[in-house]
PDB file of N, CA and C in Angstrom:
ATOM      1  N   UNK A   1      18.880  16.808-105.561  1.00  0.00           N
ATOM      2  CA  UNK A   1      19.151  15.518-104.952  1.00  0.00           C
ATOM      3  C   UNK A   1      20.187  14.794-105.802  1.00  0.00           C
ATOM      4  N   UNK A   2      21.184  14.230-105.178  1.00  0.00           N
ATOM      5  CA  UNK A   2      22.259  13.549-105.884  1.00  0.00           C
ATOM      6  C   UNK A   2      21.902  12.102-106.173  1.00  0.00           C
ATOM      7  N   UNK A   3      22.563  11.555-107.194  1.00  0.00           N
ATOM      8  CA  UNK A   3      22.318  10.176-107.612  1.00  0.00           C
ATOM      9  C   UNK A   3      22.475   9.217-106.433  1.00  0.00           C
ATOM     10  N   UNK A   4      23.513   9.398-105.630  1.00  0.00           N
ATOM     11  CA  UNK A   4      23.763   8.507-104.505  1.00  0.00           C
ATOM     12  C   UNK A   4      22.618   8.550-103.475  1.00  0.00           C
ATOM     13  N   UNK A   5      22.059   9.749-103.270  1.00  0.00           N
ATOM     14  CA  UNK A   5      20.944   9.894-102.333  1.00  0.00           C
ATOM     15  C   UNK A   5      19.711   9.130-102.822  1.00  0.00           C
ATOM     16  N   UNK A   6      19.447   9.218-104.115  1.00  0.00           N
ATOM     17  CA  UNK A   6      18.277   8.539-104.658  1.00  0.00           C
ATOM     18  C   UNK A   6      18.480   7.030-104.618  1.00  0.00           C
ATOM     19  N   UNK A   7      19.695   6.573-104.913  1.00  0.00           N
ATOM     20  CA  UNK A   7      19.964   5.135-104.833  1.00  0.00           C
ATOM     21  C   UNK A   7      19.808   4.653-103.396  1.00  0.00           C
ATOM     22  N   UNK A   8      20.227   5.466-102.423  1.00  0.00           N
ATOM     23  CA  UNK A   8      20.035   5.118-101.017  1.00  0.00           C
ATOM     24  C   UNK A   8      18.547   5.021-100.691  1.00  0.00           C
ATOM     25  N   UNK A   9      17.765   5.977-101.194  1.00  0.00           N
ATOM     26  CA  UNK A   9      16.316   5.935-100.967  1.00  0.00           C
ATOM     27  C   UNK A   9      15.708   4.710-101.636  1.00  0.00           C
ATOM     28  N   UNK A  10      16.196   4.361-102.810  1.00  0.00           N
ATOM     29  CA  UNK A  10      15.710   3.181-103.505  1.00  0.00           C
ATOM     30  C   UNK A  10      16.017   1.936-102.686  1.00  0.00           C
ATOM     31  N   UNK A  11      17.228   1.863-102.129  1.00  0.00           N
ATOM     32  CA  UNK A  11      17.596   0.724-101.281  1.00  0.00           C
ATOM     33  C   UNK A  11      16.659   0.614-100.087  1.00  0.00           C
ATOM     34  N   UNK A  12      16.336   1.753 -99.492  1.00  0.00           N
ATOM     35  CA  UNK A  12      15.409   1.757 -98.363  1.00  0.00           C
ATOM     36  C   UNK A  12      14.034   1.275 -98.784  1.00  0.00           C
ATOM     37  N   UNK A  13      13.606   1.686 -99.986  1.00  0.00           N
ATOM     38  CA  UNK A  13      12.301   1.256-100.494  1.00  0.00           C
ATOM     39  C   UNK A  13      12.286  -0.248-100.726  1.00  0.00           C
ATOM     40  N   UNK A  14      13.395  -0.774-101.238  1.00  0.00           N
ATOM     41  CA  UNK A  14      13.481  -2.216-101.447  1.00  0.00           C
ATOM     42  C   UNK A  14      13.354  -2.928-100.106  1.00  0.00           C
ATOM     43  N   UNK A  15      14.090  -2.442 -99.105  1.00  0.00           N
ATOM     44  CA  UNK A  15      14.059  -3.065 -97.778  1.00  0.00           C
ATOM     45  C   UNK A  15      12.669  -3.009 -97.152  1.00  0.00           C
ATOM     46  N   UNK A  16      11.972  -1.910 -97.362  1.00  0.00           N
ATOM     47  CA  UNK A  16      10.652  -1.756 -96.745  1.00  0.00           C
ATOM     48  C   UNK A  16       9.546  -2.383 -97.586  1.00  0.00           C
ATOM     49  N   UNK A  17       9.835  -2.661 -98.864  1.00  0.00           N
ATOM     50  CA  UNK A  17       8.809  -3.205 -99.756  1.00  0.00           C
ATOM     51  C   UNK A  17       7.794  -2.173-100.178  1.00  0.00           C
ATOM     52  N   UNK A  18       8.139  -0.880-100.115  1.00  0.00           N
ATOM     53  CA  UNK A  18       7.161   0.160-100.374  1.00  0.00           C
ATOM     54  C   UNK A  18       6.683   0.218-101.819  1.00  0.00           C
ATOM     55  N   UNK A  19       7.565   0.017-102.794  1.00  0.00           N
ATOM     56  CA  UNK A  19       7.063  -0.001-104.161  1.00  0.00           C
ATOM     57  C   UNK A  19       7.851  -0.906-105.090  1.00  0.00           C
ATOM     58  N   UNK A  20       8.891  -1.511-104.622  1.00  0.00           N
ATOM     59  CA  UNK A  20       9.663  -2.446-105.434  1.00  0.00           C
ATOM     60  C   UNK A  20       9.589  -3.827-104.806  1.00  0.00           C
ATOM     61  N   UNK A  21       9.758  -4.834-105.623  1.00  0.00           N
ATOM     62  CA  UNK A  21       9.767  -6.186-105.078  1.00  0.00           C
ATOM     63  C   UNK A  21      11.159  -6.534-104.579  1.00  0.00           C
ATOM     64  N   UNK A  22      11.273  -7.617-103.876  1.00  0.00           N
ATOM     65  CA  UNK A  22      12.559  -8.029-103.321  1.00  0.00           C
ATOM     66  C   UNK A  22      13.589  -8.345-104.402  1.00  0.00           C
ATOM     67  N   UNK A  23      13.130  -8.657-105.608  1.00  0.00           N
ATOM     68  CA  UNK A  23      14.074  -8.984-106.675  1.00  0.00           C
ATOM     69  C   UNK A  23      14.730  -7.751-107.288  1.00  0.00           C
ATOM     70  N   UNK A  24      14.230  -6.556-107.002  1.00  0.00           N
ATOM     71  CA  UNK A  24      14.833  -5.362-107.557  1.00  0.00           C
ATOM     72  C   UNK A  24      16.064  -4.985-106.743  1.00  0.00           C
ATOM     73  N   UNK A  25      17.016  -4.436-107.436  1.00  0.00           N
ATOM     74  CA  UNK A  25      18.322  -4.155-106.847  1.00  0.00           C
ATOM     75  C   UNK A  25      18.786  -2.783-107.318  1.00  0.00           C
ATOM     76  N   UNK A  26      19.311  -1.947-106.427  1.00  0.00           N
ATOM     77  CA  UNK A  26      19.786  -0.622-106.846  1.00  0.00           C
ATOM     78  C   UNK A  26      20.864  -0.681-107.924  1.00  0.00           C
ATOM     79  N   UNK A  27      21.579  -1.791-108.043  1.00  0.00           N
ATOM     80  CA  UNK A  27      22.583  -1.878-109.101  1.00  0.00           C
ATOM     81  C   UNK A  27      21.925  -1.852-110.473  1.00  0.00           C
ATOM     82  N   UNK A  28      20.675  -2.269-110.562  1.00  0.00           N
ATOM     83  CA  UNK A  28      19.958  -2.186-111.828  1.00  0.00           C
ATOM     84  C   UNK A  28      19.854  -0.751-112.301  1.00  0.00           C
ATOM     85  N   UNK A  29      19.646   0.171-111.370  1.00  0.00           N
ATOM     86  CA  UNK A  29      19.583   1.579-111.715  1.00  0.00           C
ATOM     87  C   UNK A  29      20.947   2.049-112.196  1.00  0.00           C
ATOM     88  N   UNK A  30      22.009   1.616-111.547  1.00  0.00           N
ATOM     89  CA  UNK A  30      23.354   2.005-111.963  1.00  0.00           C
ATOM     90  C   UNK A  30      23.649   1.491-113.373  1.00  0.00           C
ATOM     91  N   UNK A  31      23.159   0.296-113.684  1.00  0.00           N
ATOM     92  CA  UNK A  31      23.357  -0.267-115.018  1.00  0.00           C
ATOM     93  C   UNK A  31      22.677   0.627-116.057  1.00  0.00           C
ATOM     94  N   UNK A  32      21.437   0.997-115.801  1.00  0.00           N
ATOM     95  CA  UNK A  32      20.728   1.885-116.720  1.00  0.00           C
ATOM     96  C   UNK A  32      21.362   3.255-116.778  1.00  0.00           C
ATOM     97  N   UNK A  33      21.820   3.741-115.641  1.00  0.00           N
ATOM     98  CA  UNK A  33      22.417   5.064-115.551  1.00  0.00           C
ATOM     99  C   UNK A  33      23.667   5.151-116.418  1.00  0.00           C
ATOM    100  N   UNK A  34      24.478   4.092-116.450  1.00  0.00           N
ATOM    101  CA  UNK A  34      25.720   4.127-117.220  1.00  0.00           C
ATOM    102  C   UNK A  34      25.457   4.179-118.719  1.00  0.00           C
ATOM    103  N   UNK A  35      24.235   3.962-119.142  1.00  0.00           N
ATOM    104  CA  UNK A  35      23.878   3.988-120.554  1.00  0.00           C
ATOM    105  C   UNK A  35      23.442   5.368-121.021  1.00  0.00           C
ATOM    106  N   UNK A  36      23.479   6.374-120.154  1.00  0.00           N
ATOM    107  CA  UNK A  36      23.043   7.723-120.504  1.00  0.00           C
ATOM    108  C   UNK A  36      24.225   8.673-120.565  1.00  0.00           C
ATOM    109  N   UNK A  37      24.106   9.680-121.420  1.00  0.00           N
ATOM    110  CA  UNK A  37      25.114  10.730-121.493  1.00  0.00           C
ATOM    111  C   UNK A  37      24.455  12.019-121.960  1.00  0.00           C
ATOM    112  N   UNK A  38      25.089  13.145-121.639  1.00  0.00           N
ATOM    113  CA  UNK A  38      24.618  14.433-122.143  1.00  0.00           C
ATOM    114  C   UNK A  38      25.021  14.540-123.610  1.00  0.00           C
ATOM    115  N   UNK A  39      24.113  15.011-124.442  1.00  0.00           N
ATOM    116  CA  UNK A  39      24.404  15.174-125.867  1.00  0.00           C
ATOM    117  C   UNK A  39      23.470  16.246-126.419  1.00  0.00           C
ATOM    118  N   UNK A  40      24.036  17.412-126.668  1.00  0.00           N
ATOM    119  CA  UNK A  40      23.251  18.550-127.124  1.00  0.00           C
ATOM    120  C   UNK A  40      22.485  18.215-128.399  1.00  0.00           C
ATOM    121  N   UNK A  41      21.220  18.581-128.405  1.00  0.00           N
ATOM    122  CA  UNK A  41      20.373  18.376-129.560  1.00  0.00           C
ATOM    123  C   UNK A  41      19.677  17.022-129.607  1.00  0.00           C
ATOM    124  N   UNK A  42      20.050  16.100-128.742  1.00  0.00           N
ATOM    125  CA  UNK A  42      19.425  14.780-128.715  1.00  0.00           C
ATOM    126  C   UNK A  42      18.174  14.799-127.842  1.00  0.00           C
ATOM    127  N   UNK A  43      17.300  13.849-128.078  1.00  0.00           N
ATOM    128  CA  UNK A  43      16.099  13.679-127.256  1.00  0.00           C
ATOM    129  C   UNK A  43      16.041  12.229-126.804  1.00  0.00           C
ATOM    130  N   UNK A  44      15.936  12.044-125.516  1.00  0.00           N
ATOM    131  CA  UNK A  44      15.723  10.709-124.951  1.00  0.00           C
ATOM    132  C   UNK A  44      14.248  10.605-124.598  1.00  0.00           C
ATOM    133  N   UNK A  45      13.540   9.760-125.333  1.00  0.00           N
ATOM    134  CA  UNK A  45      12.117   9.593-125.062  1.00  0.00           C
ATOM    135  C   UNK A  45      11.939   8.681-123.850  1.00  0.00           C
ATOM    136  N   UNK A  46      10.970   8.994-123.017  1.00  0.00           N
ATOM    137  CA  UNK A  46      10.665   8.193-121.835  1.00  0.00           C
ATOM    138  C   UNK A  46      10.425   6.739-122.241  1.00  0.00           C
ATOM    139  N   UNK A  47       9.695   6.528-123.311  1.00  0.00           N
ATOM    140  CA  UNK A  47       9.410   5.174-123.781  1.00  0.00           C
ATOM    141  C   UNK A  47      10.697   4.403-124.070  1.00  0.00           C
ATOM    142  N   UNK A  48      11.636   5.035-124.747  1.00  0.00           N
ATOM    143  CA  UNK A  48      12.893   4.362-125.087  1.00  0.00           C
ATOM    144  C   UNK A  48      13.718   4.062-123.844  1.00  0.00           C
ATOM    145  N   UNK A  49      13.765   5.014-122.916  1.00  0.00           N
ATOM    146  CA  UNK A  49      14.525   4.807-121.678  1.00  0.00           C
ATOM    147  C   UNK A  49      13.920   3.657-120.872  1.00  0.00           C
ATOM    148  N   UNK A  50      12.598   3.632-120.765  1.00  0.00           N
ATOM    149  CA  UNK A  50      11.915   2.582-120.015  1.00  0.00           C
ATOM    150  C   UNK A  50      12.116   1.211-120.677  1.00  0.00           C
ATOM    151  N   UNK A  51      11.982   1.169-121.989  1.00  0.00           N
ATOM    152  CA  UNK A  51      12.161  -0.088-122.719  1.00  0.00           C
ATOM    153  C   UNK A  51      13.573  -0.636-122.532  1.00  0.00           C
ATOM    154  N   UNK A  52      14.574   0.233-122.635  1.00  0.00           N
ATOM    155  CA  UNK A  52      15.963  -0.191-122.457  1.00  0.00           C
ATOM    156  C   UNK A  52      16.200  -0.685-121.040  1.00  0.00           C
ATOM    157  N   UNK A  53      15.632   0.026-120.059  1.00  0.00           N
ATOM    158  CA  UNK A  53      15.816  -0.358-118.663  1.00  0.00           C
ATOM    159  C   UNK A  53      15.159  -1.719-118.390  1.00  0.00           C
ATOM    160  N   UNK A  54      13.958  -1.914-118.904  1.00  0.00           N
ATOM    161  CA  UNK A  54      13.275  -3.208-118.716  1.00  0.00           C
ATOM    162  C   UNK A  54      14.058  -4.336-119.376  1.00  0.00           C
ATOM    163  N   UNK A  55      14.664  -4.055-120.510  1.00  0.00           N
ATOM    164  CA  UNK A  55      15.483  -5.049-121.183  1.00  0.00           C
ATOM    165  C   UNK A  55      16.679  -5.441-120.312  1.00  0.00           C
ATOM    166  N   UNK A  56      17.291  -4.449-119.685  1.00  0.00           N
ATOM    167  CA  UNK A  56      18.422  -4.730-118.799  1.00  0.00           C
ATOM    168  C   UNK A  56      17.981  -5.544-117.580  1.00  0.00           C
ATOM    169  N   UNK A  57      16.819  -5.223-117.020  1.00  0.00           N
ATOM    170  CA  UNK A  57      16.307  -5.993-115.890  1.00  0.00           C
ATOM    171  C   UNK A  57      16.046  -7.436-116.310  1.00  0.00           C
ATOM    172  N   UNK A  58      15.474  -7.610-117.489  1.00  0.00           N
ATOM    173  CA  UNK A  58      15.177  -8.958-117.973  1.00  0.00           C
ATOM    174  C   UNK A  58      16.458  -9.761-118.183  1.00  0.00           C
ATOM    175  N   UNK A  59      17.489  -9.123-118.723  1.00  0.00           N
ATOM    176  CA  UNK A  59      18.772  -9.805-118.932  1.00  0.00           C
ATOM    177  C   UNK A  59      19.363 -10.289-117.613  1.00  0.00           C
ATOM    178  N   UNK A  60      19.072  -9.571-116.539  1.00  0.00           N
ATOM    179  CA  UNK A  60      19.591  -9.934-115.216  1.00  0.00           C
ATOM    180  C   UNK A  60      18.586 -10.734-114.399  1.00  0.00           C
ATOM    181  N   UNK A  61      17.522 -11.177-115.100  1.00  0.00           N
ATOM    182  CA  UNK A  61      16.475 -12.002-114.503  1.00  0.00           C
ATOM    183  C   UNK A  61      15.816 -11.344-113.296  1.00  0.00           C
ATOM    184  N   UNK A  62      15.585 -10.029-113.425  1.00  0.00           N
ATOM    185  CA  UNK A  62      14.865  -9.273-112.412  1.00  0.00           C
ATOM    186  C   UNK A  62      13.460  -8.993-112.928  1.00  0.00           C
ATOM    187  N   UNK A  63      12.534  -8.844-112.021  1.00  0.00           N
ATOM    188  CA  UNK A  63      11.154  -8.548-112.407  1.00  0.00           C
ATOM    189  C   UNK A  63      11.081  -7.152-113.024  1.00  0.00           C
ATOM    190  N   UNK A  64      10.174  -6.960-113.974  1.00  0.00           N
ATOM    191  CA  UNK A  64      10.029  -5.631-114.563  1.00  0.00           C
ATOM    192  C   UNK A  64       9.519  -4.626-113.544  1.00  0.00           C
ATOM    193  N   UNK A  65       9.836  -3.393-113.775  1.00  0.00           N
ATOM    194  CA  UNK A  65       9.418  -2.293-112.921  1.00  0.00           C
ATOM    195  C   UNK A  65       8.274  -1.566-113.621  1.00  0.00           C
ATOM    196  N   UNK A  66       7.246  -1.200-112.879  1.00  0.00           N
ATOM    197  CA  UNK A  66       6.148  -0.447-113.479  1.00  0.00           C
ATOM    198  C   UNK A  66       6.685   0.866-114.039  1.00  0.00           C
ATOM    199  N   UNK A  67       6.122   1.279-115.154  1.00  0.00           N
ATOM    200  CA  UNK A  67       6.574   2.509-115.809  1.00  0.00           C
ATOM    201  C   UNK A  67       6.474   3.719-114.869  1.00  0.00           C
ATOM    202  N   UNK A  68       5.418   3.788-114.095  1.00  0.00           N
ATOM    203  CA  UNK A  68       5.258   4.928-113.185  1.00  0.00           C
ATOM    204  C   UNK A  68       6.354   4.943-112.115  1.00  0.00           C
ATOM    205  N   UNK A  69       6.744   3.763-111.635  1.00  0.00           N
ATOM    206  CA  UNK A  69       7.833   3.688-110.650  1.00  0.00           C
ATOM    207  C   UNK A  69       9.160   4.058-111.304  1.00  0.00           C
ATOM    208  N   UNK A  70       9.378   3.578-112.517  1.00  0.00           N
ATOM    209  CA  UNK A  70      10.588   3.929-113.252  1.00  0.00           C
ATOM    210  C   UNK A  70      10.690   5.442-113.399  1.00  0.00           C
ATOM    211  N   UNK A  71       9.600   6.062-113.832  1.00  0.00           N
ATOM    212  CA  UNK A  71       9.592   7.513-114.035  1.00  0.00           C
ATOM    213  C   UNK A  71       9.866   8.244-112.728  1.00  0.00           C
ATOM    214  N   UNK A  72       9.266   7.778-111.639  1.00  0.00           N
ATOM    215  CA  UNK A  72       9.452   8.426-110.342  1.00  0.00           C
ATOM    216  C   UNK A  72      10.895   8.338-109.857  1.00  0.00           C
ATOM    217  N   UNK A  73      11.588   7.288-110.241  1.00  0.00           N
ATOM    218  CA  UNK A  73      12.979   7.105-109.817  1.00  0.00           C
ATOM    219  C   UNK A  73      13.937   7.820-110.761  1.00  0.00           C
ATOM    220  N   UNK A  74      13.737   7.662-112.051  1.00  0.00           N
ATOM    221  CA  UNK A  74      14.716   8.134-113.026  1.00  0.00           C
ATOM    222  C   UNK A  74      14.601   9.635-113.308  1.00  0.00           C
ATOM    223  N   UNK A  75      13.403  10.182-113.330  1.00  0.00           N
ATOM    224  CA  UNK A  75      13.254  11.611-113.643  1.00  0.00           C
ATOM    225  C   UNK A  75      14.072  12.497-112.701  1.00  0.00           C
ATOM    226  N   UNK A  76      14.029  12.272-111.364  1.00  0.00           N
ATOM    227  CA  UNK A  76      14.869  13.111-110.490  1.00  0.00           C
ATOM    228  C   UNK A  76      16.366  12.879-110.700  1.00  0.00           C
ATOM    229  N   UNK A  77      16.749  11.659-111.041  1.00  0.00           N
ATOM    230  CA  UNK A  77      18.168  11.383-111.304  1.00  0.00           C
ATOM    231  C   UNK A  77      18.661  12.151-112.523  1.00  0.00           C
ATOM    232  N   UNK A  78      17.882  12.104-113.598  1.00  0.00           N
ATOM    233  CA  UNK A  78      18.278  12.809-114.809  1.00  0.00           C
ATOM    234  C   UNK A  78      18.282  14.313-114.564  1.00  0.00           C
ATOM    235  N   UNK A  79      17.314  14.785-113.832  1.00  0.00           N
ATOM    236  CA  UNK A  79      17.276  16.222-113.523  1.00  0.00           C
ATOM    237  C   UNK A  79      18.512  16.641-112.728  1.00  0.00           C
ATOM    238  N   UNK A  80      18.886  15.831-111.746  1.00  0.00           N
ATOM    239  CA  UNK A  80      20.043  16.131-110.921  1.00  0.00           C
ATOM    240  C   UNK A  80      21.349  16.057-111.703  1.00  0.00           C
ATOM    241  N   UNK A  81      21.503  15.019-112.485  1.00  0.00           N
ATOM    242  CA  UNK A  81      22.766  14.781-113.197  1.00  0.00           C
ATOM    243  C   UNK A  81      22.932  15.673-114.421  1.00  0.00           C
ATOM    244  N   UNK A  82      21.858  15.878-115.186  1.00  0.00           N
ATOM    245  CA  UNK A  82      21.960  16.589-116.459  1.00  0.00           C
ATOM    246  C   UNK A  82      21.250  17.940-116.469  1.00  0.00           C
ATOM    247  N   UNK A  83      20.602  18.295-115.359  1.00  0.00           N
ATOM    248  CA  UNK A  83      19.913  19.575-115.218  1.00  0.00           C
ATOM    249  C   UNK A  83      18.840  19.772-116.294  1.00  0.00           C
ATOM    250  N   UNK A  84      18.109  18.701-116.582  1.00  0.00           N
ATOM    251  CA  UNK A  84      16.978  18.780-117.504  1.00  0.00           C
ATOM    252  C   UNK A  84      15.792  18.060-116.876  1.00  0.00           C
ATOM    253  N   UNK A  85      14.627  18.622-117.098  1.00  0.00           N
ATOM    254  CA  UNK A  85      13.404  18.042-116.537  1.00  0.00           C
ATOM    255  C   UNK A  85      12.711  17.168-117.589  1.00  0.00           C
ATOM    256  N   UNK A  86      11.926  16.221-117.105  1.00  0.00           N
ATOM    257  CA  UNK A  86      11.077  15.424-117.976  1.00  0.00           C
ATOM    258  C   UNK A  86      10.050  16.358-118.595  1.00  0.00           C
ATOM    259  N   UNK A  87       9.955  16.325-119.907  1.00  0.00           N
ATOM    260  CA  UNK A  87       9.037  17.211-120.616  1.00  0.00           C
ATOM    261  C   UNK A  87       7.924  16.402-121.264  1.00  0.00           C
ATOM    262  N   UNK A  88       6.794  17.056-121.448  1.00  0.00           N
ATOM    263  CA  UNK A  88       5.634  16.425-122.085  1.00  0.00           C
ATOM    264  C   UNK A  88       5.304  17.077-123.426  1.00  0.00           C
ATOM    265  N   UNK A  89       6.182  17.956-123.892  1.00  0.00           N
ATOM    266  CA  UNK A  89       5.861  18.754-125.073  1.00  0.00           C
ATOM    267  C   UNK A  89       6.882  18.605-126.206  1.00  0.00           C
ATOM    268  N   UNK A  90       7.615  17.512-126.220  1.00  0.00           N
ATOM    269  CA  UNK A  90       8.634  17.338-127.248  1.00  0.00           C
ATOM    270  C   UNK A  90       8.002  16.923-128.578  1.00  0.00           C
ATOM    271  N   UNK A  91       8.658  17.301-129.654  1.00  0.00           N
ATOM    272  CA  UNK A  91       8.215  16.915-130.995  1.00  0.00           C
ATOM    273  C   UNK A  91       9.270  15.975-131.559  1.00  0.00           C
ATOM    274  N   UNK A  92       8.863  14.747-131.878  1.00  0.00           N
ATOM    275  CA  UNK A  92       9.765  13.726-132.411  1.00  0.00           C
ATOM    276  C   UNK A  92       9.111  13.122-133.648  1.00  0.00           C
ATOM    277  N   UNK A  93       9.817  13.187-134.759  1.00  0.00           N
ATOM    278  CA  UNK A  93       9.315  12.626-136.019  1.00  0.00           C
ATOM    279  C   UNK A  93       7.907  13.112-136.343  1.00  0.00           C
ATOM    280  N   UNK A  94       7.656  14.383-136.112  1.00  0.00           N
ATOM    281  CA  UNK A  94       6.361  14.973-136.414  1.00  0.00           C
ATOM    282  C   UNK A  94       5.284  14.722-135.374  1.00  0.00           C
ATOM    283  N   UNK A  95       5.593  13.909-134.369  1.00  0.00           N
ATOM    284  CA  UNK A  95       4.622  13.648-133.293  1.00  0.00           C
ATOM    285  C   UNK A  95       4.815  14.680-132.196  1.00  0.00           C
ATOM    286  N   UNK A  96       3.724  15.277-131.759  1.00  0.00           N
ATOM    287  CA  UNK A  96       3.774  16.276-130.692  1.00  0.00           C
ATOM    288  C   UNK A  96       3.381  15.647-129.368  1.00  0.00           C
ATOM    289  N   UNK A  97       3.805  16.269-128.290  1.00  0.00           N
ATOM    290  CA  UNK A  97       3.425  15.804-126.960  1.00  0.00           C
ATOM    291  C   UNK A  97       4.180  14.570-126.500  1.00  0.00           C
ATOM    292  N   UNK A  98       5.359  14.350-127.061  1.00  0.00           N
ATOM    293  CA  UNK A  98       6.174  13.198-126.672  1.00  0.00           C
ATOM    294  C   UNK A  98       6.839  13.499-125.334  1.00  0.00           C
ATOM    295  N   UNK A  99       6.862  12.500-124.441  1.00  0.00           N
ATOM    296  CA  UNK A  99       7.477  12.668-123.125  1.00  0.00           C
ATOM    297  C   UNK A  99       8.940  12.243-123.190  1.00  0.00           C
ATOM    298  N   UNK A 100       9.818  13.070-122.622  1.00  0.00           N
ATOM    299  CA  UNK A 100      11.227  12.729-122.625  1.00  0.00           C
ATOM    300  C   UNK A 100      12.086  13.874-122.135  1.00  0.00           C
ATOM    301  N   UNK A 101      13.382  13.753-122.407  1.00  0.00           N
ATOM    302  CA  UNK A 101      14.372  14.732-121.948  1.00  0.00           C
ATOM    303  C   UNK A 101      15.159  15.235-123.147  1.00  0.00           C
ATOM    304  N   UNK A 102      15.391  16.547-123.204  1.00  0.00           N
ATOM    305  CA  UNK A 102      16.237  17.124-124.242  1.00  0.00           C
ATOM    306  C   UNK A 102      17.687  17.061-123.787  1.00  0.00           C
ATOM    307  N   UNK A 103      18.581  16.912-124.755  1.00  0.00           N
ATOM    308  CA  UNK A 103      20.027  16.935-124.529  1.00  0.00           C
ATOM    309  C   UNK A 103      20.543  15.770-123.694  1.00  0.00           C
ATOM    310  N   UNK A 104      19.832  14.648-123.736  1.00  0.00           N
ATOM    311  CA  UNK A 104      20.274  13.415-123.076  1.00  0.00           C
ATOM    312  C   UNK A 104      20.166  12.300-124.115  1.00  0.00           C
ATOM    313  N   UNK A 105      21.157  11.419-124.120  1.00  0.00           N
ATOM    314  CA  UNK A 105      21.208  10.360-125.122  1.00  0.00           C
ATOM    315  C   UNK A 105      21.406   9.008-124.446  1.00  0.00           C
ATOM    316  N   UNK A 106      20.744   8.005-124.997  1.00  0.00           N
ATOM    317  CA  UNK A 106      20.935   6.616-124.564  1.00  0.00           C
ATOM    318  C   UNK A 106      22.078   6.043-125.394  1.00  0.00           C
ATOM    319  N   UNK A 107      23.160   5.627-124.712  1.00  0.00           N
ATOM    320  CA  UNK A 107      24.349   5.145-125.410  1.00  0.00           C
ATOM    321  C   UNK A 107      24.159   3.760-126.000  1.00  0.00           C
ATOM    322  N   UNK A 108      23.566   2.872-125.217  1.00  0.00           N
ATOM    323  CA  UNK A 108      23.417   1.487-125.677  1.00  0.00           C
ATOM    324  C   UNK A 108      22.178   0.888-125.042  1.00  0.00           C
ATOM    325  N   UNK A 109      21.680  -0.148-125.670  1.00  0.00           N
ATOM    326  CA  UNK A 109      20.540  -0.860-125.093  1.00  0.00           C
ATOM    327  C   UNK A 109      20.867  -2.332-124.883  1.00  0.00           C
ATOM    328  N   UNK A 110      22.044  -2.755-125.317  1.00  0.00           N
ATOM    329  CA  UNK A 110      22.434  -4.147-125.177  1.00  0.00           C
ATOM    330  C   UNK A 110      23.217  -4.367-123.894  1.00  0.00           C
ATOM    331  N   UNK A 111      23.716  -5.590-123.683  1.00  0.00           N
ATOM    332  CA  UNK A 111      24.462  -5.903-122.471  1.00  0.00           C
ATOM    333  C   UNK A 111      25.764  -5.115-122.399  1.00  0.00           C
ATOM    334  N   UNK A 112      26.203  -4.856-121.161  1.00  0.00           N
ATOM    335  CA  UNK A 112      27.453  -4.118-120.949  1.00  0.00           C
ATOM    336  C   UNK A 112      28.641  -5.009-121.244  1.00  0.00           C
TER     337      UNK A 112
END
């Protein structure tokens, strides 16, 4: 599934009210998306990606998105764009079972 297809589905979900509130906007996903890049050997932890995304939503005065909804939207996008799946078995700083993506990096967490 391509990024544009998922954003279209997200727009439809916003219109129908199925899992996002009216204050959520597909451009928020594009903002978060522009902060990611492929980078061999890097690990993007789900927690860090979610925290950065919520920070961006807050800066734009949008309501926070539930972590489960974020994961449901972003995991297929990252898989499509970077050909990596969300993993539950990563080791980060000696901690095992960390959820995240290998070979994906968060470029920035501040305003664009």
